[in-house]
C-alpha atoms as a PDB file:
ATOM      1  CA  UNK A   1       6.266 -10.255  25.983  1.00  0.00           C
ATOM      2  CA  UNK A   2       6.422 -13.923  24.603  1.00  0.00           C
ATOM      3  CA  UNK A   3       7.187 -14.096  20.928  1.00  0.00           C
ATOM      4  CA  UNK A   4       3.041 -15.661  20.230  1.00  0.00           C
ATOM      5  CA  UNK A   5       2.207 -12.412  22.006  1.00  0.00           C
ATOM      6  CA  UNK A   6       4.018 -10.639  20.269  1.00  0.00           C
ATOM      7  CA  UNK A   7       3.858 -11.390  16.729  1.00  0.00           C
ATOM      8  CA  UNK A   8      -0.313 -12.105  17.506  1.00  0.00           C
ATOM      9  CA  UNK A   9       0.184  -8.495  18.232  1.00  0.00           C
ATOM     10  CA  UNK A  10       1.852  -7.677  14.694  1.00  0.00           C
ATOM     11  CA  UNK A  11      -1.073  -9.515  13.095  1.00  0.00           C
ATOM     12  CA  UNK A  12      -3.907  -7.792  14.587  1.00  0.00           C
ATOM     13  CA  UNK A  13      -0.953  -4.151  14.051  1.00  0.00           C
ATOM     14  CA  UNK A  14      -1.037  -5.226  10.139  1.00  0.00           C
ATOM     15  CA  UNK A  15      -4.747  -5.854  10.078  1.00  0.00           C
ATOM     16  CA  UNK A  16      -6.593  -2.627  11.756  1.00  0.00           C
ATOM     17  CA  UNK A  17      -3.296  -0.794   8.701  1.00  0.00           C
ATOM     18  CA  UNK A  18      -4.646  -3.460   5.636  1.00  0.00           C
ATOM     19  CA  UNK A  19      -8.651  -2.130   7.297  1.00  0.00           C
ATOM     20  CA  UNK A  20      -7.165   1.884   7.331  1.00  0.00           C
ATOM     21  CA  UNK A  21      -5.398   1.238   3.890  1.00  0.00           C
ATOM     22  CA  UNK A  22      -9.499   0.487   2.897  1.00  0.00           C
ATOM     23  CA  UNK A  23     -10.843   3.827   4.559  1.00  0.00           C
ATOM     24  CA  UNK A  24      -8.472   5.954   2.514  1.00  0.00           C
ATOM     25  CA  UNK A  25      -7.395   7.612   6.031  1.00  0.00           C
ATOM     26  CA  UNK A  26      -4.990   8.782   5.571  1.00  0.00           C
ATOM     27  CA  UNK A  27      -3.746  10.594   8.635  1.00  0.00           C
ATOM     28  CA  UNK A  28      -5.243   7.149  10.480  1.00  0.00           C
ATOM     29  CA  UNK A  29      -3.217   5.200   7.918  1.00  0.00           C
ATOM     30  CA  UNK A  30       0.354   8.026   9.547  1.00  0.00           C
ATOM     31  CA  UNK A  31      -1.039   6.494  13.014  1.00  0.00           C
ATOM     32  CA  UNK A  32       1.003   3.266  12.474  1.00  0.00           C
ATOM     33  CA  UNK A  33       4.139   4.575  10.685  1.00  0.00           C
ATOM     34  CA  UNK A  34       7.360   5.472  12.967  1.00  0.00           C
ATOM     35  CA  UNK A  35       8.731   8.717  12.505  1.00  0.00           C
ATOM     36  CA  UNK A  36      11.828   7.512  10.482  1.00  0.00           C
ATOM     37  CA  UNK A  37       9.053   5.127   7.625  1.00  0.00           C
ATOM     38  CA  UNK A  38      10.693   4.258   4.444  1.00  0.00           C
ATOM     39  CA  UNK A  39       7.453   2.694   1.213  1.00  0.00           C
ATOM     40  CA  UNK A  40       9.050   1.018  -0.830  1.00  0.00           C
ATOM     41  CA  UNK A  41       5.552   1.587  -3.752  1.00  0.00           C
ATOM     42  CA  UNK A  42       5.373  -1.404  -6.747  1.00  0.00           C
ATOM     43  CA  UNK A  43       6.069   0.284  -9.320  1.00  0.00           C
ATOM     44  CA  UNK A  44       9.147   2.103  -9.950  1.00  0.00           C
ATOM     45  CA  UNK A  45      12.754   2.876 -11.784  1.00  0.00           C
ATOM     46  CA  UNK A  46      14.640   1.727  -9.136  1.00  0.00           C
ATOM     47  CA  UNK A  47      15.216  -1.942  -7.728  1.00  0.00           C
ATOM     48  CA  UNK A  48      13.055  -1.390  -4.563  1.00  0.00           C
ATOM     49  CA  UNK A  49      10.214   0.539  -7.545  1.00  0.00           C
ATOM     50  CA  UNK A  50       9.333   4.279  -6.165  1.00  0.00           C
ATOM     51  CA  UNK A  51      11.296   4.408  -2.450  1.00  0.00           C
ATOM     52  CA  UNK A  52       9.046   7.196  -0.496  1.00  0.00           C
ATOM     53  CA  UNK A  53      11.834   8.074   2.768  1.00  0.00           C
ATOM     54  CA  UNK A  54      10.777  10.149   5.783  1.00  0.00           C
ATOM     55  CA  UNK A  55       7.579  10.381   6.782  1.00  0.00           C
ATOM     56  CA  UNK A  56       6.619  13.566   4.486  1.00  0.00           C
ATOM     57  CA  UNK A  57       7.461  11.499   1.687  1.00  0.00           C
ATOM     58  CA  UNK A  58       5.323   8.272   2.710  1.00  0.00           C
ATOM     59  CA  UNK A  59       2.262  10.203   3.575  1.00  0.00           C
ATOM     60  CA  UNK A  60       2.657  11.410  -0.400  1.00  0.00           C
ATOM     61  CA  UNK A  61       3.297   8.169  -2.153  1.00  0.00           C
ATOM     62  CA  UNK A  62       0.295   6.866   0.226  1.00  0.00           C
ATOM     63  CA  UNK A  63      -2.145   9.063  -1.386  1.00  0.00           C
ATOM     64  CA  UNK A  64      -0.320   8.730  -4.517  1.00  0.00           C
ATOM     65  CA  UNK A  65      -1.850   5.140  -4.376  1.00  0.00           C
ATOM     66  CA  UNK A  66      -6.014   6.417  -3.492  1.00  0.00           C
ATOM     67  CA  UNK A  67      -4.686   9.590  -6.731  1.00  0.00           C
ATOM     68  CA  UNK A  68      -4.210   6.637  -9.297  1.00  0.00           C
ATOM     69  CA  UNK A  69      -6.501   4.047  -7.596  1.00  0.00           C
ATOM     70  CA  UNK A  70      -9.447   6.339  -6.500  1.00  0.00           C
ATOM     71  CA  UNK A  71     -11.188   3.566  -5.240  1.00  0.00           C
ATOM     72  CA  UNK A  72      -8.327   0.914  -4.322  1.00  0.00           C
ATOM     73  CA  UNK A  73      -9.012  -1.176  -1.966  1.00  0.00           C
ATOM     74  CA  UNK A  74      -7.045  -4.352  -0.376  1.00  0.00           C
ATOM     75  CA  UNK A  75      -9.461  -7.760   0.539  1.00  0.00           C
ATOM     76  CA  UNK A  76      -9.392 -10.799   1.410  1.00  0.00           C
ATOM     77  CA  UNK A  77      -6.357  -9.674   3.679  1.00  0.00           C
ATOM     78  CA  UNK A  78      -3.929 -12.771   5.081  1.00  0.00           C
ATOM     79  CA  UNK A  79      -1.138 -11.703   8.381  1.00  0.00           C
ATOM     80  CA  UNK A  80       2.139 -13.304   9.701  1.00  0.00           C
ATOM     81  CA  UNK A  81       4.189 -12.274  11.565  1.00  0.00           C
ATOM     82  CA  UNK A  82       7.819 -13.008  12.330  1.00  0.00           C
ATOM     83  CA  UNK A  83      10.069 -11.417  15.362  1.00  0.00           C
ATOM     84  CA  UNK A  84      10.376  -7.745  14.184  1.00  0.00           C
ATOM     85  CA  UNK A  85       8.783  -8.371  10.118  1.00  0.00           C
ATOM     86  CA  UNK A  86       5.909  -9.061   8.374  1.00  0.00           C
ATOM     87  CA  UNK A  87       3.365  -9.985   5.446  1.00  0.00           C
ATOM     88  CA  UNK A  88       0.608  -8.922   4.216  1.00  0.00           C
ATOM     89  CA  UNK A  89      -1.748 -11.083   1.072  1.00  0.00           C
ATOM     90  CA  UNK A  90      -3.779  -9.720  -0.483  1.00  0.00           C
ATOM     91  CA  UNK A  91      -6.090  -8.638  -3.516  1.00  0.00           C
ATOM     92  CA  UNK A  92      -5.786  -5.676  -5.230  1.00  0.00           C
ATOM     93  CA  UNK A  93      -9.253  -4.120  -6.288  1.00  0.00           C
ATOM     94  CA  UNK A  94      -9.137  -0.769  -8.135  1.00  0.00           C
ATOM     95  CA  UNK A  95      -9.854   1.523 -11.236  1.00  0.00           C
ATOM     96  CA  UNK A  96      -7.628   4.282 -12.064  1.00  0.00           C
ATOM     97  CA  UNK A  97      -8.375   7.668 -13.122  1.00  0.00           C
ATOM     98  CA  UNK A  98      -8.379   6.159 -16.690  1.00  0.00           C
ATOM     99  CA  UNK A  99     -10.243   3.938 -16.795  1.00  0.00           C
ATOM    100  CA  UNK A 100      -8.582  -0.036 -16.746  1.00  0.00           C
ATOM    101  CA  UNK A 101      -9.213  -1.530 -13.546  1.00  0.00           C
ATOM    102  CA  UNK A 102      -6.309  -3.773 -11.588  1.00  0.00           C
ATOM    103  CA  UNK A 103      -7.092  -6.666 -10.410  1.00  0.00           C
ATOM    104  CA  UNK A 104      -3.645  -9.615  -8.322  1.00  0.00           C
ATOM    105  CA  UNK A 105      -2.567 -10.867  -5.886  1.00  0.00           C
ATOM    106  CA  UNK A 106      -0.422  -9.275  -3.990  1.00  0.00           C
ATOM    107  CA  UNK A 107       1.990  -8.732  -0.640  1.00  0.00           C
ATOM    108  CA  UNK A 108       3.615  -6.532   1.305  1.00  0.00           C
ATOM    109  CA  UNK A 109       7.163  -7.390   3.698  1.00  0.00           C
ATOM    110  CA  UNK A 110       7.366  -5.447   6.833  1.00  0.00           C
ATOM    111  CA  UNK A 111       9.881  -4.641   9.606  1.00  0.00           C
ATOM    112  CA  UNK A 112       8.536  -3.656  12.706  1.00  0.00           C
ATOM    113  CA  UNK A 113      10.022  -0.845  15.244  1.00  0.00           C
ATOM    114  CA  UNK A 114       8.738  -0.097  18.686  1.00  0.00           C
ATOM    115  CA  UNK A 115       5.965  -1.467  17.533  1.00  0.00           C
ATOM    116  CA  UNK A 116       5.961   0.740  14.747  1.00  0.00           C
ATOM    117  CA  UNK A 117       6.647   0.395  11.341  1.00  0.00           C
ATOM    118  CA  UNK A 118       9.248   0.933   9.817  1.00  0.00           C
ATOM    119  CA  UNK A 119       8.913  -0.247   6.371  1.00  0.00           C
ATOM    120  CA  UNK A 120       6.164  -1.231   3.625  1.00  0.00           C
ATOM    121  CA  UNK A 121       7.688  -2.098   0.763  1.00  0.00           C
ATOM    122  CA  UNK A 122       4.857  -3.345  -1.918  1.00  0.00           C
ATOM    123  CA  UNK A 123       4.673  -5.765  -4.470  1.00  0.00           C
ATOM    124  CA  UNK A 124       2.276  -6.834  -6.828  1.00  0.00           C
ATOM    125  CA  UNK A 125       1.513  -8.969  -9.629  1.00  0.00           C
ATOM    126  CA  UNK A 126       2.088  -7.821 -13.310  1.00  0.00           C
ATOM    127  CA  UNK A 127      -1.530  -8.780 -14.917  1.00  0.00           C
ATOM    128  CA  UNK A 128      -2.333  -6.538 -17.182  1.00  0.00           C
ATOM    129  CA  UNK A 129      -5.833  -4.367 -16.130  1.00  0.00           C
ATOM    130  CA  UNK A 130      -8.994  -7.022 -15.994  1.00  0.00           C
ATOM    131  CA  UNK A 131     -11.449  -5.881 -19.085  1.00  0.00           C
ATOM    132  CA  UNK A 132     -15.309  -4.653 -18.525  1.00  0.00           C
ATOM    133  CA  UNK A 133     -17.419  -7.206 -20.934  1.00  0.00           C
ATOM    134  CA  UNK A 134     -19.476  -5.156 -23.612  1.00  0.00           C
ATOM    135  CA  UNK A 135     -22.409  -4.074 -23.133  1.00  0.00           C
END
């Protein structure tokens, strides 16, 4: 497969992955992940944020995003792929369970292996919660 076709397939994979996040479909989402996958979240005390290693832990980490932001959406996705690496840039919007609303640009950096996502490394702008206008 040419690099151009490989990159196009990777972009299609990232768009489908993004769409699945927005449907909050954990089973379909895990179908994109390699057996020995890793997810590095946007927050946490470690250099890479909180890391979830292995399918069960990654599943837990993904579900934690929806538990923290039940209405989470990743909008205006733009994707590119170069070899076994890919990037998705989007606008994250979500309301925490305490009512605070987050809206910020973010980036996911991916590593692919055998047509699956081996690593998802998430970064998000550290923007304060959006304040709702007074009623």
